[in-house]
Amino acid sequence: MTTKRLGFFSRLLDDVPAGERYRLATEQIVHAERQGFDTAWVAQHHFHRDEGGLPSPLPFLSFVAARTTRIRLGTGIIILPMEDPVRLAEDTAVLDLLSNGRLEIGLGTGATPESFLAFGIEKTDRNEVFNRNYARLLDAWRGAALGHDENRLYPEAASLEQRIWQATFSAAGAERIGQAGSGLMLSRTQPRSADQPWRTLPEIQHPIVDAYLANLPAGVAPRILGSRSLFVADTREEALKYAEIGLNRVLDRFIANGHHVPDRSLQALIRSFDVHVGTPDDVIASLAADSVLERATDVVFQVHSVDPPHALILRSLELTAQHVAPALGWTGGQTSALLKIDGGQR
């Protein structure tokens, strides 16, 4: 058992205009804080409204910071190849001050091929650009001269380097993240090959965690974020109703992104896309079988890709905090909150 933080993640996909998406997501994060959640995370997506509704996470989190007091605010992720690293350093420094040091910074290379073209980048060059921008970002946070000896980051933000998280789907990526001493972000689902359609998410992700831990520098504490899709409802019927609607809505896009789905029954979709859905008892049992979460320091839940209506997202947050997380040993509303997940043997 390890001490964990409990988080809420949003891709801002409520089926309403953009301004209303931002209002509802803010309300959801405020509600999560009231329920005792420790962290809230938002994703960055450019252009494609059905993949994610937020191109500019830092202004949004500044808005949220003014309406919350305790919950930590994270990006999951900022697409670093598409950012100017010096401007990103400045914006994160200011936001961290405005939020009283509550910022967590998740970074990644991005995935949607078309989006790179708007920034003058080919997707095939994304790793090279990421590495160049990452080095520049660290230089800025560390107070290095930026083009001239008088150009140094203001306000100072040296502590932000200790709050970097990076996302990966692979053991090779985890090696690099471990060597950098960053936190490791694990995805809510990963594609399966046609010859291994029922390979479990823990079977895929344990080697990633192993590679990360094996490459951490001596003395650096591991930070492992396990993101999971979770929708908790008062009845199983209600949960499955919205799961069927949501998962069928994204099915074609998931298949295009490399997921192999053996059949289109609801139970097959739930299993293929690693969704934990149902009553609190259903979800408790489902999560207990996920052995990767026992190794995580942060367990972060999102309703995607079920995407129920706003009121049911709020209810899912309540049921998660009031029933699911306590059954797993979590004591909410504290920095040292506990979420104990006993995932069994690997």
Protein backbone atom coordinates (compact mmCIF):
# COMPACT_ATOMS: atom_id res chain seq x y z
CA MET A 1 0.00 0.00 0.00
CA THR A 2 1.23 3.50 -0.79
CA THR A 3 -0.02 6.97 0.12
CA LYS A 4 -1.83 8.49 -2.84
CA ARG A 5 -3.54 11.65 -3.97
CA LEU A 6 -7.00 11.49 -5.52
CA GLY A 7 -7.58 13.53 -8.67
CA PHE A 8 -10.22 14.56 -11.20
CA PHE A 9 -9.35 14.99 -14.88
CA SER A 10 -11.30 16.75 -17.62
CA ARG A 11 -10.86 17.08 -21.36
CA LEU A 12 -13.73 19.63 -21.33
CA LEU A 13 -16.04 17.66 -23.60
CA ASP A 14 -19.49 18.69 -22.35
CA ASP A 15 -21.81 18.90 -25.37
CA VAL A 16 -22.33 22.68 -25.21
CA PRO A 17 -20.65 25.79 -26.73
CA ALA A 18 -17.07 26.54 -25.67
CA GLY A 19 -17.86 29.19 -23.07
CA GLU A 20 -20.34 26.88 -21.38
CA ARG A 21 -17.81 24.04 -21.48
CA TYR A 22 -15.41 26.21 -19.50
CA ARG A 23 -18.07 27.23 -17.01
CA LEU A 24 -19.18 23.64 -16.42
CA ALA A 25 -15.62 22.34 -16.10
CA THR A 26 -14.90 25.06 -13.55
CA GLU A 27 -17.98 24.03 -11.59
CA GLN A 28 -16.85 20.40 -11.72
CA ILE A 29 -13.40 21.25 -10.33
CA VAL A 30 -14.87 23.43 -7.61
CA HIS A 31 -17.20 20.55 -6.73
CA ALA A 32 -14.27 18.12 -6.69
CA GLU A 33 -12.45 20.38 -4.23
CA ARG A 34 -15.53 20.47 -1.99
CA GLN A 35 -15.63 16.67 -2.08
CA GLY A 36 -12.01 16.52 -0.92
CA PHE A 37 -10.20 15.70 -4.17
CA ASP A 38 -6.52 16.58 -3.99
CA THR A 39 -5.83 17.44 -7.65
CA ALA A 40 -7.61 18.56 -10.81
CA TRP A 41 -6.16 18.15 -14.30
CA VAL A 42 -7.11 19.51 -17.72
CA ALA A 43 -5.89 18.49 -21.16
CA GLN A 44 -4.75 20.68 -24.03
CA HIS A 45 -6.12 20.03 -27.51
CA HIS A 46 -5.87 22.27 -30.55
CA PHE A 47 -8.63 22.63 -33.17
CA HIS A 48 -10.50 19.30 -32.78
CA ARG A 49 -13.48 19.98 -30.49
CA ASP A 50 -14.49 16.32 -30.19
CA GLU A 51 -11.07 15.29 -28.85
CA GLY A 52 -10.79 18.07 -26.29
CA GLY A 53 -12.18 21.53 -25.81
CA LEU A 54 -9.26 23.51 -24.37
CA PRO A 55 -6.37 24.89 -26.45
CA SER A 56 -5.13 27.22 -23.66
CA PRO A 57 -5.02 25.42 -20.30
CA LEU A 58 -3.03 28.02 -18.35
CA PRO A 59 -5.52 30.91 -18.72
CA PHE A 60 -8.29 28.48 -17.83
CA LEU A 61 -6.45 27.26 -14.72
CA SER A 62 -5.86 30.88 -13.67
CA PHE A 63 -9.64 31.33 -13.75
CA VAL A 64 -10.09 28.14 -11.71
CA ALA A 65 -7.37 29.14 -9.24
CA ALA A 66 -9.34 32.26 -8.34
CA ARG A 67 -12.34 30.10 -7.47
CA THR A 68 -10.57 27.43 -5.43
CA THR A 69 -8.25 27.45 -2.44
CA ARG A 70 -6.74 24.01 -1.88
CA ILE A 71 -6.98 21.67 -4.86
CA ARG A 72 -3.80 21.38 -6.90
CA LEU A 73 -4.15 22.30 -10.58
CA GLY A 74 -2.39 20.34 -13.32
CA THR A 75 -2.01 20.14 -17.07
CA GLY A 76 -2.38 16.71 -18.58
CA ILE A 77 -0.78 17.59 -20.93
CA ILE A 78 0.65 20.74 -22.49
CA ILE A 79 1.88 19.86 -26.01
CA LEU A 80 5.40 21.23 -25.65
CA PRO A 81 6.48 21.12 -29.33
CA MET A 82 3.68 23.61 -30.10
CA GLU A 83 4.73 26.07 -27.37
CA ASP A 84 7.32 28.82 -27.12
CA PRO A 85 9.27 27.54 -24.11
CA VAL A 86 10.23 30.98 -22.74
CA ARG A 87 6.64 32.20 -22.87
CA LEU A 88 5.53 28.95 -21.29
CA ALA A 89 8.05 29.47 -18.50
CA GLU A 90 6.70 32.97 -17.89
CA ASP A 91 3.04 31.91 -17.93
CA THR A 92 3.60 28.97 -15.56
CA ALA A 93 5.60 31.16 -13.19
CA VAL A 94 2.80 33.72 -12.96
CA LEU A 95 0.07 31.10 -12.61
CA ASP A 96 2.00 29.32 -9.87
CA LEU A 97 2.21 32.55 -7.88
CA LEU A 98 -1.47 33.35 -8.41
CA SER A 99 -2.47 29.86 -7.25
CA ASN A 100 -0.19 29.94 -4.18
CA GLY A 101 2.08 27.22 -5.52
CA ARG A 102 -0.64 24.77 -6.59
CA LEU A 103 0.50 24.20 -10.19
CA GLU A 104 1.51 20.77 -11.54
CA ILE A 105 2.87 20.72 -15.09
CA GLY A 106 2.29 17.75 -17.37
CA LEU A 107 4.11 17.81 -20.70
CA GLY A 108 3.94 15.64 -23.80
CA THR A 109 4.79 15.48 -27.48
CA GLY A 110 1.24 15.48 -28.87
CA ALA A 111 -0.40 13.00 -31.20
CA THR A 112 -2.88 14.52 -33.69
CA PRO A 113 -0.95 14.77 -37.00
CA GLU A 114 -2.90 17.67 -38.49
CA SER A 115 -2.40 19.93 -35.49
CA PHE A 116 1.37 20.11 -35.90
CA LEU A 117 1.04 21.71 -39.34
CA ALA A 118 -0.52 24.85 -37.90
CA PHE A 119 2.65 25.38 -35.88
CA GLY A 120 5.04 24.74 -38.75
CA ILE A 121 6.05 21.31 -37.43
CA GLU A 122 5.89 17.85 -38.94
CA LYS A 123 4.71 15.14 -36.56
CA THR A 124 7.82 13.13 -37.38
CA ASP A 125 9.93 15.94 -35.87
CA ARG A 126 7.96 16.21 -32.63
CA ASN A 127 10.48 14.40 -30.39
CA GLU A 128 13.36 16.56 -31.60
CA VAL A 129 11.34 19.74 -31.07
CA PHE A 130 10.15 18.52 -27.66
CA ASN A 131 13.72 17.94 -26.49
CA ARG A 132 14.85 21.35 -27.70
CA ASN A 133 11.92 23.15 -26.08
CA TYR A 134 12.25 21.12 -22.88
CA ALA A 135 15.89 22.16 -22.46
CA ARG A 136 14.95 25.79 -23.06
CA LEU A 137 12.08 25.61 -20.56
CA LEU A 138 14.38 24.21 -17.87
CA ASP A 139 16.97 26.91 -18.58
CA ALA A 140 14.33 29.57 -18.08
CA TRP A 141 13.01 28.13 -14.82
CA ARG A 142 16.56 27.70 -13.53
CA GLY A 143 17.33 31.38 -14.08
CA ALA A 144 19.76 30.96 -16.98
CA ALA A 145 20.46 33.84 -19.34
CA LEU A 146 18.00 33.86 -22.25
CA GLY A 147 19.69 35.37 -25.29
CA HIS A 148 21.36 38.08 -23.20
CA ASP A 149 22.84 38.10 -19.73
CA GLU A 150 20.18 40.56 -18.55
CA ASN A 151 17.32 38.35 -19.76
CA ARG A 152 16.41 36.08 -16.86
CA LEU A 153 12.99 34.77 -15.93
CA TYR A 154 10.80 37.01 -13.82
CA PRO A 155 9.10 36.01 -11.63
CA GLU A 156 11.51 33.30 -10.58
CA ALA A 157 10.17 29.75 -10.71
CA ALA A 158 12.96 27.35 -9.84
CA SER A 159 10.65 25.00 -7.90
CA LEU A 160 8.52 24.22 -10.97
CA GLU A 161 11.15 21.80 -12.26
CA GLN A 162 10.24 19.49 -9.36
CA ARG A 163 6.60 19.47 -10.52
CA ILE A 164 7.06 18.28 -14.11
CA TRP A 165 5.12 15.24 -15.29
CA GLN A 166 5.55 13.56 -18.67
CA ALA A 167 3.21 11.21 -20.52
CA THR A 168 4.17 8.11 -22.48
CA PHE A 169 2.71 4.91 -23.92
CA SER A 170 6.02 3.02 -23.97
CA ALA A 171 8.79 1.60 -21.80
CA ALA A 172 11.33 3.52 -23.88
CA GLY A 173 9.52 6.76 -23.08
CA ALA A 174 9.39 5.80 -19.41
CA GLU A 175 13.17 5.30 -19.37
CA ARG A 176 13.64 8.86 -20.61
CA ILE A 177 11.11 10.25 -18.12
CA GLY A 178 12.76 8.38 -15.25
CA GLN A 179 16.21 9.65 -16.22
CA ALA A 180 14.84 13.21 -16.21
CA GLY A 181 13.41 12.72 -12.70
CA SER A 182 9.95 13.76 -13.87
CA GLY A 183 6.65 12.29 -12.80
CA LEU A 184 5.25 9.52 -15.02
CA MET A 185 1.75 9.93 -16.44
CA LEU A 186 -0.05 6.70 -17.43
CA SER A 187 -3.00 6.84 -19.81
CA ARG A 188 -6.54 5.71 -19.07
CA THR A 189 -6.42 3.16 -21.90
CA GLN A 190 -3.99 1.90 -24.53
CA PRO A 191 -4.52 0.15 -27.88
CA ARG A 192 -4.31 -3.66 -28.04
CA SER A 193 -3.00 -5.62 -30.98
CA ALA A 194 -5.31 -7.81 -33.03
CA ASP A 195 -3.56 -10.95 -31.80
CA GLN A 196 -3.89 -9.92 -28.11
CA PRO A 197 -7.25 -8.13 -27.90
CA TRP A 198 -7.87 -9.00 -24.24
CA ARG A 199 -4.46 -8.07 -22.89
CA THR A 200 -5.16 -6.12 -19.72
CA LEU A 201 -4.12 -2.55 -19.10
CA PRO A 202 -1.98 -3.60 -16.09
CA GLU A 203 -0.16 -6.11 -18.31
CA ILE A 204 0.64 -3.26 -20.70
CA GLN A 205 1.53 -0.66 -18.10
CA HIS A 206 3.56 -2.62 -15.52
CA PRO A 207 6.60 -2.74 -17.88
CA ILE A 208 6.28 1.02 -18.34
CA VAL A 209 6.33 1.53 -14.57
CA ASP A 210 9.26 -0.88 -14.23
CA ALA A 211 11.29 1.05 -16.81
CA TYR A 212 10.51 4.35 -15.11
CA LEU A 213 11.52 3.16 -11.65
CA ALA A 214 14.70 1.51 -12.94
CA ASN A 215 15.88 4.81 -14.44
CA LEU A 216 15.09 7.29 -11.67
CA PRO A 217 18.21 9.01 -10.33
CA ALA A 218 19.25 8.03 -6.81
CA GLY A 219 17.37 9.96 -4.17
CA VAL A 220 14.51 11.05 -6.47
CA ALA A 221 11.14 9.92 -5.15
CA PRO A 222 8.89 8.30 -7.77
CA ARG A 223 5.77 10.13 -8.92
CA ILE A 224 3.39 7.92 -10.90
CA LEU A 225 -0.02 9.16 -12.04
CA GLY A 226 -2.53 6.51 -13.04
CA SER A 227 -5.39 8.01 -15.04
CA ARG A 228 -8.54 5.91 -15.31
CA SER A 229 -11.99 6.26 -16.90
CA LEU A 230 -14.62 6.07 -14.19
CA PHE A 231 -18.34 6.80 -14.10
CA VAL A 232 -20.21 6.08 -10.88
CA ALA A 233 -24.01 6.32 -10.78
CA ASP A 234 -26.74 5.57 -8.27
CA THR A 235 -27.92 2.59 -10.31
CA ARG A 236 -26.17 0.16 -12.64
CA GLU A 237 -28.84 0.75 -15.28
CA GLU A 238 -28.16 4.48 -15.37
CA ALA A 239 -24.41 3.95 -15.56
CA LEU A 240 -24.65 1.43 -18.40
CA LYS A 241 -27.11 3.60 -20.32
CA TYR A 242 -24.65 6.48 -20.55
CA ALA A 243 -21.69 4.16 -21.07
CA GLU A 244 -23.39 2.69 -24.13
CA ILE A 245 -24.12 6.14 -25.56
CA GLY A 246 -20.66 7.53 -24.90
CA LEU A 247 -18.55 4.56 -25.93
CA ASN A 248 -20.43 4.08 -29.19
CA ARG A 249 -19.96 7.77 -29.94
CA VAL A 250 -16.17 7.46 -29.83
CA LEU A 251 -15.87 3.90 -31.16
CA ASP A 252 -14.85 4.76 -34.72
CA ARG A 253 -12.26 7.27 -33.53
CA PHE A 254 -10.76 4.76 -31.09
CA ILE A 255 -10.49 2.15 -33.83
CA ALA A 256 -8.83 4.70 -36.12
CA ASN A 257 -6.30 5.38 -33.35
CA GLY A 258 -5.26 1.74 -33.21
CA HIS A 259 -7.67 0.07 -30.78
CA HIS A 260 -8.77 -3.42 -31.77
CA VAL A 261 -12.33 -4.18 -30.64
CA PRO A 262 -13.27 -7.88 -30.84
CA ASP A 263 -17.00 -7.10 -30.94
CA ARG A 264 -19.32 -4.16 -30.41
CA SER A 265 -21.26 -5.38 -27.40
CA LEU A 266 -21.35 -2.96 -24.49
CA GLN A 267 -19.34 -5.27 -22.22
CA ALA A 268 -16.68 -5.65 -24.93
CA LEU A 269 -16.45 -1.88 -25.29
CA ILE A 270 -16.17 -1.40 -21.53
CA ARG A 271 -13.39 -3.96 -21.39
CA SER A 272 -11.59 -2.80 -24.54
CA PHE A 273 -11.53 0.84 -23.44
CA ASP A 274 -10.75 0.11 -19.76
CA VAL A 275 -13.81 1.82 -18.33
CA HIS A 276 -14.83 1.42 -14.69
CA VAL A 277 -18.59 1.97 -14.66
CA GLY A 278 -21.56 1.16 -12.44
CA THR A 279 -22.66 1.61 -8.87
CA PRO A 280 -20.08 2.34 -6.17
CA ASP A 281 -19.84 -1.38 -5.39
CA ASP A 282 -19.34 -2.22 -9.08
CA VAL A 283 -16.57 0.33 -9.45
CA ILE A 284 -14.85 -0.63 -6.20
CA ALA A 285 -14.62 -4.22 -7.39
CA SER A 286 -13.41 -3.16 -10.84
CA LEU A 287 -10.70 -0.87 -9.52
CA ALA A 288 -9.48 -3.45 -7.02
CA ALA A 289 -8.46 -5.66 -9.96
CA ASP A 290 -6.24 -2.92 -11.46
CA SER A 291 -2.84 -3.76 -9.99
CA VAL A 292 -1.05 -0.80 -11.60
CA LEU A 293 -2.94 1.60 -9.34
CA GLU A 294 -1.31 0.03 -6.28
CA ARG A 295 2.01 1.35 -7.62
CA ALA A 296 0.72 4.85 -8.38
CA THR A 297 1.26 7.90 -6.20
CA ASP A 298 -1.64 9.74 -7.85
CA VAL A 299 -4.90 8.14 -8.99
CA VAL A 300 -6.83 10.45 -11.31
CA PHE A 301 -10.35 9.70 -12.54
CA GLN A 302 -12.08 11.05 -15.64
CA VAL A 303 -15.55 10.40 -17.03
CA HIS A 304 -14.25 10.21 -20.62
CA SER A 305 -15.20 8.54 -22.83
CA VAL A 306 -18.59 7.95 -21.22
CA ASP A 307 -19.20 11.72 -21.04
CA PRO A 308 -22.50 11.82 -19.12
CA PRO A 309 -24.43 15.07 -18.62
CA HIS A 310 -23.00 17.67 -16.24
CA ALA A 311 -25.30 16.85 -13.33
CA LEU A 312 -24.25 13.20 -13.47
CA ILE A 313 -20.56 14.17 -13.56
CA LEU A 314 -21.12 16.05 -10.30
CA ARG A 315 -22.93 13.04 -8.87
CA SER A 316 -20.13 10.72 -9.99
CA LEU A 317 -17.62 12.94 -8.17
CA GLU A 318 -19.75 12.74 -5.02
CA LEU A 319 -20.11 8.97 -5.17
CA THR A 320 -16.41 8.56 -5.87
CA ALA A 321 -15.39 10.67 -2.88
CA GLN A 322 -18.10 9.42 -0.52
CA HIS A 323 -18.07 5.69 -1.31
CA VAL A 324 -15.50 4.47 -3.83
CA ALA A 325 -12.35 6.16 -2.56
CA PRO A 326 -13.07 5.58 1.17
CA ALA A 327 -13.66 1.89 0.47
CA LEU A 328 -10.14 1.84 -0.95
CA GLY A 329 -8.72 3.56 2.13
CA TRP A 330 -8.75 7.22 1.06
CA THR A 331 -9.27 9.95 3.67
CA GLY A 332 -10.17 13.08 1.78
CA GLY A 333 -9.47 16.76 2.02
CA GLN A 334 -5.89 16.47 3.27
CA THR A 335 -2.54 16.90 1.58
CA SER A 336 -1.65 13.50 3.02
CA ALA A 337 -4.89 11.91 1.82
CA LEU A 338 -4.73 8.14 1.51
CA LEU A 339 -6.04 6.06 -1.32
CA LYS A 340 -5.01 2.46 -0.77
CA ILE A 341 -5.60 0.19 -3.71
CA ASP A 342 -4.65 -3.43 -3.27
CA GLY A 343 -4.39 -4.65 -6.83
CA GLY A 344 -3.32 -8.19 -6.03
CA GLN A 345 -0.38 -9.97 -7.53
CA ARG A 346 1.30 -8.90 -10.75
